[in-house]
N, C-alpha and C. Protein backbone atom coordinates (compact mmCIF):
# COMPACT_ATOMS: atom_id res chain seq x y z
N MET A 1 -12.83 26.38 22.80
CA MET A 1 -12.29 26.47 23.79
C MET A 1 -10.81 25.48 23.56
N THR A 2 -9.46 26.06 23.70
CA THR A 2 -8.23 25.43 23.47
C THR A 2 -7.68 24.46 24.38
N LYS A 3 -7.56 23.26 23.89
CA LYS A 3 -6.93 21.96 24.77
C LYS A 3 -5.39 22.37 25.20
N ILE A 4 -5.13 22.55 26.21
CA ILE A 4 -3.75 22.89 26.62
C ILE A 4 -3.13 21.30 27.16
N SER A 5 -1.99 20.87 26.54
CA SER A 5 -1.63 19.64 26.88
C SER A 5 -0.94 19.77 28.04
N LEU A 6 -0.79 18.56 28.82
CA LEU A 6 0.19 18.65 30.11
C LEU A 6 1.37 19.04 30.03
N GLY A 7 2.22 18.47 28.99
CA GLY A 7 3.37 18.77 28.42
C GLY A 7 3.61 20.29 28.10
N ALA A 8 2.66 21.07 27.93
CA ALA A 8 2.81 22.46 27.55
C ALA A 8 2.82 23.47 28.55
N HIS A 9 2.25 22.82 29.66
CA HIS A 9 2.19 23.78 30.78
C HIS A 9 3.71 24.42 31.16
N PRO A 10 3.50 25.75 31.19
CA PRO A 10 5.08 26.48 31.45
C PRO A 10 5.64 26.04 32.78
N TYR A 11 5.00 25.52 33.60
CA TYR A 11 5.68 25.10 35.09
C TYR A 11 6.27 23.59 34.86
N LEU A 12 5.99 22.90 33.75
CA LEU A 12 6.16 21.63 33.78
C LEU A 12 7.21 21.19 32.46
N LEU A 13 8.46 21.86 32.90
CA LEU A 13 9.48 21.77 31.66
C LEU A 13 10.14 20.68 31.63
N GLY A 14 10.32 19.92 30.33
CA GLY A 14 10.63 18.76 30.08
C GLY A 14 9.90 17.62 30.08
N PHE A 15 8.43 17.94 30.47
CA PHE A 15 7.53 16.63 30.66
C PHE A 15 6.65 16.74 29.23
N ASP A 16 7.16 16.81 28.49
CA ASP A 16 6.45 17.02 27.10
C ASP A 16 6.16 15.47 26.53
N GLN A 17 6.99 14.58 27.01
CA GLN A 17 6.73 13.14 26.56
C GLN A 17 5.91 12.44 27.47
N LEU A 18 5.08 12.89 28.40
CA LEU A 18 4.30 12.56 29.20
C LEU A 18 3.03 11.77 28.73
N GLU A 19 2.49 12.76 27.93
CA GLU A 19 1.45 12.19 26.90
C GLU A 19 1.87 11.21 25.95
N ARG A 20 2.83 11.11 25.41
CA ARG A 20 3.00 10.08 24.53
C ARG A 20 3.50 8.73 25.07
N LEU A 21 3.78 8.98 26.68
CA LEU A 21 3.88 7.57 27.02
C LEU A 21 2.32 7.34 27.73
N ALA A 22 1.53 7.94 27.67
CA ALA A 22 0.25 7.75 28.11
C ALA A 22 -0.79 6.94 26.91
N GLU A 23 -0.18 7.29 25.88
CA GLU A 23 -0.83 6.74 24.85
C GLU A 23 -0.07 5.75 24.36
N ARG A 24 1.08 5.36 24.57
CA ARG A 24 1.68 4.08 24.28
C ARG A 24 1.30 3.03 24.94
N ALA A 25 0.91 3.44 26.46
CA ALA A 25 0.48 2.55 27.62
C ALA A 25 -0.87 2.20 27.24
N ALA A 26 -1.87 3.02 26.73
CA ALA A 26 -3.17 2.88 26.22
C ALA A 26 -3.10 1.84 24.99
N LYS A 27 -2.12 1.66 24.14
CA LYS A 27 -2.46 0.81 23.01
C LYS A 27 -2.19 -0.37 23.00
N GLY A 28 -1.67 -0.62 24.45
CA GLY A 28 -1.27 -2.51 24.73
C GLY A 28 -2.54 -2.76 25.69
N ALA A 29 -3.79 -2.41 25.10
CA ALA A 29 -4.67 -3.04 25.98
C ALA A 29 -5.60 -4.27 25.45
N GLU A 30 -4.78 -5.04 24.74
CA GLU A 30 -5.64 -6.29 24.17
C GLU A 30 -5.67 -7.29 25.68
N GLY A 31 -6.70 -8.24 25.22
CA GLY A 31 -7.01 -9.12 26.38
C GLY A 31 -5.99 -10.33 26.50
N TYR A 32 -5.24 -10.47 25.45
CA TYR A 32 -4.44 -11.85 25.72
C TYR A 32 -2.87 -11.41 25.58
N PRO A 33 -2.03 -12.18 26.26
CA PRO A 33 -2.44 -13.05 27.46
C PRO A 33 -2.85 -12.44 28.59
N PRO A 34 -3.65 -12.96 29.56
CA PRO A 34 -4.10 -12.22 30.67
C PRO A 34 -2.84 -12.55 31.75
N TYR A 35 -2.81 -11.02 32.40
CA TYR A 35 -1.86 -11.03 33.19
C TYR A 35 -2.30 -10.50 34.70
N ASN A 36 -1.42 -10.47 35.60
CA ASN A 36 -1.28 -10.09 36.98
C ASN A 36 -0.23 -8.94 37.38
N ILE A 37 -0.29 -7.90 38.13
CA ILE A 37 0.77 -7.47 38.58
C ILE A 37 0.39 -7.29 40.04
N GLU A 38 1.71 -7.69 40.74
CA GLU A 38 1.67 -7.56 42.17
C GLU A 38 2.85 -6.59 42.61
N HIS A 39 2.43 -6.08 43.78
CA HIS A 39 3.04 -5.00 44.49
C HIS A 39 3.88 -5.53 45.71
N PHE A 40 5.49 -5.54 45.85
CA PHE A 40 5.91 -6.15 46.77
C PHE A 40 6.81 -5.22 47.66
N ALA A 41 6.14 -5.26 48.73
CA ALA A 41 6.95 -3.92 49.66
C ALA A 41 8.42 -3.84 49.83
N PRO A 42 9.18 -3.24 49.96
CA PRO A 42 9.04 -1.55 49.92
C PRO A 42 8.93 -1.27 48.32
N ASP A 43 9.81 -1.81 47.38
CA ASP A 43 9.92 -1.33 45.96
C ASP A 43 10.06 -2.31 44.86
N GLY A 44 9.36 -3.34 45.16
CA GLY A 44 9.43 -4.46 44.09
C GLY A 44 7.88 -4.57 43.52
N PHE A 45 8.12 -4.99 42.26
CA PHE A 45 6.58 -5.49 41.58
C PHE A 45 7.02 -6.77 40.94
N ARG A 46 5.97 -7.40 40.35
CA ARG A 46 5.87 -8.82 39.57
C ARG A 46 4.82 -8.66 38.39
N ILE A 47 5.31 -9.00 37.60
CA ILE A 47 4.28 -8.99 36.32
C ILE A 47 4.15 -10.68 35.91
N THR A 48 2.78 -11.23 36.11
CA THR A 48 2.81 -12.46 35.78
C THR A 48 1.78 -12.58 34.62
N LEU A 49 2.43 -13.43 33.61
CA LEU A 49 1.48 -13.66 32.10
C LEU A 49 1.24 -14.83 32.27
N ALA A 50 -0.02 -15.29 31.74
CA ALA A 50 -0.39 -16.68 31.63
C ALA A 50 -0.14 -17.23 30.12
N VAL A 51 0.99 -17.85 30.11
CA VAL A 51 1.49 -18.37 28.74
C VAL A 51 1.63 -19.70 28.52
N ALA A 52 0.46 -20.40 28.75
CA ALA A 52 0.45 -21.99 28.66
C ALA A 52 0.84 -22.37 27.55
N GLY A 53 1.55 -23.47 26.92
CA GLY A 53 1.90 -23.76 26.03
C GLY A 53 3.08 -23.24 25.05
N PHE A 54 3.68 -22.26 25.51
CA PHE A 54 4.75 -21.43 25.45
C PHE A 54 6.18 -21.89 25.86
N ALA A 55 7.09 -22.08 25.20
CA ALA A 55 8.37 -22.67 25.71
C ALA A 55 9.27 -21.33 25.94
N GLU A 56 10.61 -21.19 26.62
CA GLU A 56 11.31 -20.30 26.83
C GLU A 56 11.73 -19.69 25.75
N ASP A 57 12.00 -20.50 24.59
CA ASP A 57 12.20 -20.23 23.02
C ASP A 57 11.40 -19.39 22.40
N ASP A 58 10.09 -19.61 22.64
CA ASP A 58 8.94 -18.84 22.00
C ASP A 58 8.65 -17.67 22.47
N ILE A 59 9.53 -17.19 23.73
CA ILE A 59 8.94 -15.76 24.05
C ILE A 59 10.55 -15.04 24.41
N SER A 60 10.16 -13.67 23.75
CA SER A 60 11.17 -12.74 23.82
C SER A 60 10.71 -11.36 24.78
N ILE A 61 11.56 -10.85 25.79
CA ILE A 61 11.51 -9.86 26.48
C ILE A 61 12.68 -8.89 26.69
N THR A 62 11.95 -7.72 26.18
CA THR A 62 12.96 -6.58 25.72
C THR A 62 12.44 -5.38 26.33
N MET A 63 13.38 -4.15 26.39
CA MET A 63 13.39 -3.11 27.04
C MET A 63 13.31 -1.87 25.54
N GLU A 64 12.52 -1.32 25.32
CA GLU A 64 12.55 -0.57 24.40
C GLU A 64 12.07 0.99 24.67
N ASP A 65 13.07 1.66 25.05
CA ASP A 65 12.44 3.39 25.44
C ASP A 65 11.87 3.11 26.54
N ARG A 66 12.06 2.78 27.90
CA ARG A 66 11.33 2.67 28.66
C ARG A 66 10.10 1.82 28.57
N GLN A 67 9.88 1.05 27.80
CA GLN A 67 8.88 0.21 27.65
C GLN A 67 9.29 -1.22 27.74
N LEU A 68 8.74 -2.17 28.58
CA LEU A 68 8.72 -3.59 28.27
C LEU A 68 7.97 -4.22 27.75
N VAL A 69 8.63 -4.85 26.53
CA VAL A 69 7.77 -5.49 25.69
C VAL A 69 8.13 -7.25 25.60
N ILE A 70 6.78 -7.92 25.64
CA ILE A 70 6.96 -9.43 25.87
C ILE A 70 6.25 -9.77 24.53
N ARG A 71 6.93 -10.51 23.68
CA ARG A 71 6.46 -11.09 22.68
C ARG A 71 6.70 -12.62 22.75
N GLY A 72 5.25 -13.43 22.36
CA GLY A 72 5.36 -14.72 22.27
C GLY A 72 4.95 -15.22 20.86
N ARG A 73 5.64 -15.97 20.22
CA ARG A 73 5.42 -16.87 18.89
C ARG A 73 5.96 -18.33 18.86
N GLN A 74 4.73 -19.18 18.90
CA GLN A 74 5.05 -20.68 18.96
C GLN A 74 5.76 -20.87 17.58
N ALA A 75 6.31 -21.96 17.51
CA ALA A 75 7.09 -22.59 16.42
C ALA A 75 5.81 -23.30 15.57
N GLU A 76 5.99 -23.14 14.30
CA GLU A 76 4.90 -23.73 13.50
C GLU A 76 4.85 -25.60 13.57
N GLU A 77 4.04 -26.10 13.59
CA GLU A 77 3.63 -27.62 13.84
C GLU A 77 3.81 -28.21 12.75
N ASP A 78 4.17 -29.34 12.87
CA ASP A 78 3.75 -30.13 11.28
C ASP A 78 2.49 -30.29 11.34
N GLY A 79 2.10 -30.96 10.43
CA GLY A 79 0.62 -31.13 9.93
C GLY A 79 0.32 -32.61 10.26
N GLU A 80 0.72 -33.16 11.20
CA GLU A 80 0.55 -34.48 11.72
C GLU A 80 -0.82 -34.47 12.81
N ARG A 81 -0.91 -33.37 13.39
CA ARG A 81 -1.85 -33.50 14.42
C ARG A 81 -3.06 -33.01 13.66
N VAL A 82 -4.27 -33.90 14.10
CA VAL A 82 -5.81 -33.67 13.90
C VAL A 82 -6.40 -33.46 15.10
N PHE A 83 -6.95 -32.12 15.40
CA PHE A 83 -7.58 -31.70 16.20
C PHE A 83 -9.10 -31.68 16.04
N LEU A 84 -9.75 -32.51 16.95
CA LEU A 84 -11.39 -32.41 16.90
C LEU A 84 -12.11 -31.42 17.62
N HIS A 85 -11.19 -30.71 18.53
CA HIS A 85 -11.56 -29.39 19.24
C HIS A 85 -10.25 -28.65 19.54
N ARG A 86 -10.08 -27.54 19.03
CA ARG A 86 -8.81 -26.81 19.69
C ARG A 86 -9.29 -25.63 20.30
N GLY A 87 -9.17 -25.49 21.59
CA GLY A 87 -9.72 -24.41 22.69
C GLY A 87 -8.46 -23.99 23.25
N ILE A 88 -7.20 -24.45 23.20
CA ILE A 88 -6.38 -23.75 23.62
C ILE A 88 -5.62 -22.85 22.98
N ALA A 89 -5.60 -21.37 23.04
CA ALA A 89 -5.07 -20.35 22.05
C ALA A 89 -3.36 -20.75 22.18
N ALA A 90 -2.98 -20.69 20.73
CA ALA A 90 -1.54 -20.99 20.24
C ALA A 90 -1.33 -19.66 19.59
N ARG A 91 -1.85 -18.35 19.74
CA ARG A 91 -1.63 -17.39 18.53
C ARG A 91 -0.49 -16.18 19.10
N ALA A 92 0.29 -15.69 18.39
CA ALA A 92 1.23 -15.01 18.69
C ALA A 92 0.46 -13.77 19.51
N PHE A 93 1.48 -13.27 20.51
CA PHE A 93 1.01 -12.19 21.13
C PHE A 93 2.38 -10.86 21.42
N GLN A 94 1.73 -9.90 21.54
CA GLN A 94 2.70 -8.51 22.13
C GLN A 94 1.99 -7.97 23.38
N ARG A 95 2.56 -7.94 24.49
CA ARG A 95 2.30 -7.21 25.58
C ARG A 95 3.35 -6.37 25.94
N SER A 96 2.81 -4.74 26.28
CA SER A 96 3.90 -3.83 26.66
C SER A 96 3.57 -3.16 27.78
N PHE A 97 4.53 -2.87 28.71
CA PHE A 97 4.17 -2.12 29.76
C PHE A 97 5.23 -0.73 29.80
N VAL A 98 4.63 0.13 30.11
CA VAL A 98 5.59 1.26 30.04
C VAL A 98 6.13 1.51 31.41
N LEU A 99 7.52 1.49 31.75
CA LEU A 99 8.08 1.28 32.96
C LEU A 99 8.54 2.92 33.42
N ALA A 100 8.47 3.54 34.39
CA ALA A 100 8.99 4.70 35.28
C ALA A 100 10.31 4.77 35.12
N ASP A 101 10.87 5.99 34.96
CA ASP A 101 12.55 5.98 35.22
C ASP A 101 12.70 5.42 36.63
N GLY A 102 13.66 4.58 36.73
CA GLY A 102 14.22 4.07 38.22
C GLY A 102 13.59 2.80 38.37
N VAL A 103 12.85 2.01 37.30
CA VAL A 103 12.19 0.78 37.63
C VAL A 103 12.96 -0.24 36.53
N ASP A 104 13.46 -1.16 37.07
CA ASP A 104 14.39 -1.88 36.31
C ASP A 104 14.05 -3.32 36.56
N VAL A 105 14.12 -4.21 35.43
CA VAL A 105 13.74 -5.49 35.33
C VAL A 105 15.02 -6.42 36.19
N THR A 106 14.47 -7.12 36.84
CA THR A 106 15.65 -7.69 37.83
C THR A 106 15.52 -9.19 37.36
N GLU A 107 14.69 -9.69 36.92
CA GLU A 107 14.48 -11.38 36.66
C GLU A 107 13.26 -11.66 36.09
N ALA A 108 13.38 -12.68 35.06
CA ALA A 108 12.41 -13.28 34.70
C ALA A 108 12.21 -15.00 34.69
N ARG A 109 11.22 -15.40 34.81
CA ARG A 109 11.23 -16.80 34.99
C ARG A 109 9.98 -17.45 34.18
N LEU A 110 10.01 -18.69 33.90
CA LEU A 110 8.81 -19.29 33.24
C LEU A 110 8.68 -20.45 33.83
N GLU A 111 7.84 -20.59 34.67
CA GLU A 111 7.44 -22.03 35.35
C GLU A 111 5.81 -22.30 35.48
N ASN A 112 5.67 -23.27 35.31
CA ASN A 112 4.02 -23.90 35.19
C ASN A 112 3.23 -23.39 34.30
N GLY A 113 3.58 -22.86 33.26
CA GLY A 113 2.66 -21.92 32.25
C GLY A 113 2.73 -20.31 32.34
N LEU A 114 3.56 -20.10 33.46
CA LEU A 114 3.01 -18.54 34.18
C LEU A 114 4.73 -17.62 33.71
N LEU A 115 4.70 -16.86 33.32
CA LEU A 115 5.92 -16.03 33.00
C LEU A 115 5.89 -15.04 34.15
N ASN A 116 7.14 -14.99 35.02
CA ASN A 116 6.99 -14.04 36.00
C ASN A 116 8.06 -12.99 35.76
N ILE A 117 7.91 -11.63 35.74
CA ILE A 117 9.04 -10.67 35.39
C ILE A 117 8.94 -9.80 36.70
N ASP A 118 10.16 -9.75 37.54
CA ASP A 118 10.27 -9.21 38.77
C ASP A 118 10.99 -7.79 38.39
N LEU A 119 10.14 -6.85 39.19
CA LEU A 119 10.95 -5.30 38.69
C LEU A 119 11.08 -4.75 40.15
N THR A 120 12.03 -3.89 40.25
CA THR A 120 12.46 -3.17 41.25
C THR A 120 12.49 -1.80 40.95
N ARG A 121 12.13 -0.96 41.97
CA ARG A 121 12.43 0.54 41.65
C ARG A 121 13.62 1.00 42.51
N VAL A 122 14.43 1.68 41.79
CA VAL A 122 15.85 2.17 42.69
C VAL A 122 15.72 3.59 42.85
N GLN A 123 15.82 3.71 44.43
CA GLN A 123 15.38 5.17 44.74
C GLN A 123 16.82 5.97 44.40
N PRO A 124 16.49 7.06 43.59
CA PRO A 124 17.47 7.82 43.14
C PRO A 124 18.10 9.00 44.29
N GLN A 125 19.59 9.41 44.51
CA GLN A 125 19.82 9.48 45.79
C GLN A 125 19.89 11.24 45.42
N GLN A 126 19.13 11.85 46.28
CA GLN A 126 18.96 13.43 46.36
C GLN A 126 20.28 14.11 46.23
N VAL A 127 20.37 14.58 45.31
CA VAL A 127 21.54 15.64 45.02
C VAL A 127 21.41 17.19 44.70
N VAL A 128 22.10 17.64 45.49
CA VAL A 128 21.99 19.36 45.42
C VAL A 128 23.18 19.80 44.75
N GLN A 129 22.72 20.57 43.56
CA GLN A 129 23.63 20.92 42.79
C GLN A 129 23.69 22.68 43.03
N THR A 130 24.79 23.29 42.87
CA THR A 130 24.95 24.77 42.81
C THR A 130 25.39 24.94 41.45
N ILE A 131 24.44 25.93 40.81
CA ILE A 131 24.80 26.51 39.39
C ILE A 131 25.46 27.75 39.79
N PRO A 132 26.68 27.60 39.21
CA PRO A 132 27.29 29.28 39.11
C PRO A 132 26.79 30.05 38.30
N ILE A 133 26.80 31.34 38.53
CA ILE A 133 26.26 32.47 37.84
C ILE A 133 27.60 33.14 37.05
N SER A 134 27.79 33.14 35.83
CA SER A 134 28.84 33.94 35.01
C SER A 134 28.34 35.07 34.71
N ARG A 135 29.42 36.13 34.86
CA ARG A 135 29.26 37.44 33.95
C ARG A 135 29.78 37.28 32.56
N LYS A 136 29.01 38.49 31.89
CA LYS A 136 29.42 38.35 30.49
C LYS A 136 30.75 39.61 30.29
């Protein structure tokens, strides 16, 4: 039996990147840092990441080809601290989310160890376009 990809269906022209988007979304399935995704009616979303111990300068947020990428790396500590127990994670992380066309980042805030990233979906205007038929 031959596997037909969704992007190869004859009625779905131009959707060949859909499978690649799904694969990219599946790659970011690690568990650190934990996060929440909230929906605000009608067209708002908020991603909240638990980033205790990270300062604003330790975190970068970028958009790379419709993919929201959040990276965190804490500055190297001087060797003066001696831990008897170290249970607070201080490792670097990268968390990514694939955003649909028309979803834009509106704001990012770091407060009380939580990084909040607000997103909104912009409704596209419906446009009817007439295509002229040319003669040879």
